[in-house]
C-alpha cells in the first residue's frame, strides 16, 4: 500500500473514531478532521525522526493542513485588531514545520520571523496613530477584501 493510501486510510479511521468520541464526550469541543490529520502527521513525524518513514512531501502536506487549520481557528477566536498578526503567524508556522522536518534551525529565517513580529507588533501598538491607521486597517482587511 502506498504511503498516501495508508495515510488517507488512517485519517478516515481516526476521523470515524474521533467523531464517535465527540458524540460520547459532548462537553469536549474539537474538530474530528483536524485531530485525525494532526494525529496522523504526529505519528508519521515520529516515525520519520526514527528513520522508519521517509515521505517528507506527504508529511509536509499534512502538517501544512494543520498549520492552516490552526491559522483559521485563531482567526475566528481573536478580536479583529489582532488579525494584524496573520502574516507573522503563518511565517512562524511555516518555519516551525520546516524546522521539524529538517531538524535544522536557520538563523536568517528566525531573524525574518522575529522581524515580522516586531514590525507588526509596533504597527499594532500604533494602529490608532493617524499616519499608520490606514496601513494597519489594510493589513487587517487584506483577507476579507476579495
Protein backbone atom coordinates (compact mmCIF):
# COMPACT_ATOMS: atom_id res chain seq x y z
CA UNK A 1 0.00 0.00 0.00
CA UNK A 2 1.35 3.45 -0.88
CA UNK A 3 2.23 5.99 1.81
CA UNK A 4 -0.56 8.23 0.54
CA UNK A 5 -3.21 5.49 0.64
CA UNK A 6 -2.12 4.42 4.11
CA UNK A 7 -2.19 7.99 5.44
CA UNK A 8 -5.64 8.57 3.92
CA UNK A 9 -6.92 5.33 5.41
CA UNK A 10 -5.56 6.23 8.85
CA UNK A 11 -7.15 9.69 8.64
CA UNK A 12 -10.53 8.17 7.68
CA UNK A 13 -10.40 5.61 10.51
CA UNK A 14 -9.28 8.20 13.07
CA UNK A 15 -11.94 10.62 11.84
CA UNK A 16 -14.61 7.98 12.45
CA UNK A 17 -13.23 7.23 15.89
CA UNK A 18 -12.95 10.88 16.89
CA UNK A 19 -16.42 11.60 15.54
CA UNK A 20 -17.81 8.77 17.68
CA UNK A 21 -15.86 10.05 20.70
CA UNK A 22 -17.28 13.51 20.10
CA UNK A 23 -20.78 12.07 20.48
CA UNK A 24 -19.85 10.43 23.78
CA UNK A 25 -17.91 13.38 25.22
CA UNK A 26 -20.27 16.17 24.20
CA UNK A 27 -18.72 18.76 26.52
CA UNK A 28 -15.32 18.48 24.86
CA UNK A 29 -15.18 20.60 21.71
CA UNK A 30 -12.79 19.58 18.93
CA UNK A 31 -12.69 19.14 15.19
CA UNK A 32 -12.57 15.44 14.31
CA UNK A 33 -10.93 16.09 10.93
CA UNK A 34 -8.26 18.36 12.42
CA UNK A 35 -7.50 15.88 15.16
CA UNK A 36 -7.33 12.96 12.71
CA UNK A 37 -4.92 14.79 10.40
CA UNK A 38 -2.81 16.06 13.31
CA UNK A 39 -2.60 12.64 14.94
CA UNK A 40 -1.60 11.10 11.61
CA UNK A 41 1.24 13.51 10.90
CA UNK A 42 2.40 13.41 14.53
CA UNK A 43 2.88 9.64 14.31
CA UNK A 44 4.46 9.94 10.86
CA UNK A 45 6.82 12.65 12.13
CA UNK A 46 7.95 10.42 14.98
CA UNK A 47 8.46 7.57 12.53
CA UNK A 48 10.39 9.96 10.26
CA UNK A 49 12.66 11.01 13.12
CA UNK A 50 13.36 7.35 13.91
CA UNK A 51 14.11 6.56 10.27
CA UNK A 52 11.01 4.41 9.71
CA UNK A 53 9.19 6.80 7.33
CA UNK A 54 10.78 8.86 4.58
CA UNK A 55 7.99 10.60 2.66
CA UNK A 56 8.67 14.24 3.55
CA UNK A 57 6.26 15.52 0.87
CA UNK A 58 3.28 13.73 2.40
CA UNK A 59 4.36 14.74 5.89
CA UNK A 60 4.72 18.39 4.84
CA UNK A 61 1.28 18.41 3.18
CA UNK A 62 -0.39 17.01 6.30
CA UNK A 63 1.49 19.39 8.59
CA UNK A 64 0.58 22.28 6.30
CA UNK A 65 -3.08 21.36 6.60
CA UNK A 66 -2.81 21.54 10.38
CA UNK A 67 -0.98 24.86 10.30
CA UNK A 68 -3.68 26.36 8.11
CA UNK A 69 -6.37 24.87 10.34
CA UNK A 70 -4.70 26.45 13.38
CA UNK A 71 -4.50 29.75 11.49
CA UNK A 72 -8.24 29.65 10.72
CA UNK A 73 -9.10 28.63 14.27
CA UNK A 74 -7.15 31.51 15.74
CA UNK A 75 -8.56 33.89 13.15
CA UNK A 76 -12.08 33.04 14.37
CA UNK A 77 -11.15 33.32 18.06
CA UNK A 78 -9.26 36.61 18.28
CA UNK A 79 -10.54 40.16 18.30
CA UNK A 80 -10.29 41.99 14.99
CA UNK A 81 -7.25 44.19 15.82
CA UNK A 82 -5.17 41.05 16.47
CA UNK A 83 -5.78 39.92 12.88
CA UNK A 84 -2.88 42.20 12.02
CA UNK A 85 -0.63 39.31 13.09
CA UNK A 86 -1.76 36.90 10.33
CA UNK A 87 1.47 37.10 8.33
CA UNK A 88 3.82 36.68 11.32
CA UNK A 89 1.71 33.72 12.49
CA UNK A 90 1.80 31.99 9.08
CA UNK A 91 5.53 32.66 8.74
CA UNK A 92 6.10 31.20 12.21
CA UNK A 93 4.11 28.08 11.38
CA UNK A 94 5.98 27.56 8.09
CA UNK A 95 9.33 28.00 9.85
CA UNK A 96 8.30 25.61 12.63
CA UNK A 97 7.21 22.90 10.20
CA UNK A 98 10.37 23.30 8.13
CA UNK A 99 12.47 23.06 11.29
CA UNK A 100 10.63 19.94 12.45
CA UNK A 101 11.17 18.26 9.09
CA UNK A 102 14.77 19.26 8.50
CA UNK A 103 15.81 19.31 12.16
CA UNK A 104 17.72 22.46 11.28
CA UNK A 105 17.14 25.93 12.66
CA UNK A 106 18.28 28.66 10.30
CA UNK A 107 19.26 31.94 11.94
CA UNK A 108 18.25 34.01 8.89
CA UNK A 109 14.75 32.53 8.96
CA UNK A 110 14.49 33.15 12.72
CA UNK A 111 15.53 36.76 12.18
CA UNK A 112 12.95 37.26 9.43
CA UNK A 113 10.16 35.80 11.57
CA UNK A 114 11.28 37.80 14.63
CA UNK A 115 11.48 40.93 12.48
CA UNK A 116 7.94 40.34 11.22
CA UNK A 117 6.63 40.01 14.77
CA UNK A 118 8.50 43.17 15.78
CA UNK A 119 7.28 45.27 12.83
CA UNK A 120 3.70 44.06 13.09
CA UNK A 121 3.83 44.46 16.88
CA UNK A 122 4.88 48.09 16.50
CA UNK A 123 2.17 48.61 13.90
CA UNK A 124 -0.35 47.03 16.29
CA UNK A 125 0.71 49.28 19.16
CA UNK A 126 0.44 52.40 16.99
CA UNK A 127 -2.59 51.33 14.93
CA UNK A 128 -4.62 54.32 16.13
CA UNK A 129 -1.96 56.79 15.01
CA UNK A 130 -3.44 58.76 12.07
CA UNK A 131 -0.37 58.08 9.89
CA UNK A 132 -0.43 54.31 10.49
CA UNK A 133 -4.18 53.70 10.83
CA UNK A 134 -4.80 53.11 7.10
CA UNK A 135 -1.84 50.72 6.84
CA UNK A 136 -2.99 48.72 9.86
CA UNK A 137 -6.55 48.62 8.53
CA UNK A 138 -5.31 47.45 5.10
CA UNK A 139 -3.39 44.59 6.73
CA UNK A 140 -6.34 43.56 8.88
CA UNK A 141 -8.75 43.75 5.93
CA UNK A 142 -6.43 42.03 3.42
CA UNK A 143 -8.11 38.64 3.65
CA UNK A 144 -11.65 39.96 3.69
CA UNK A 145 -11.40 42.24 0.68
CA UNK A 146 -11.64 39.61 -2.06
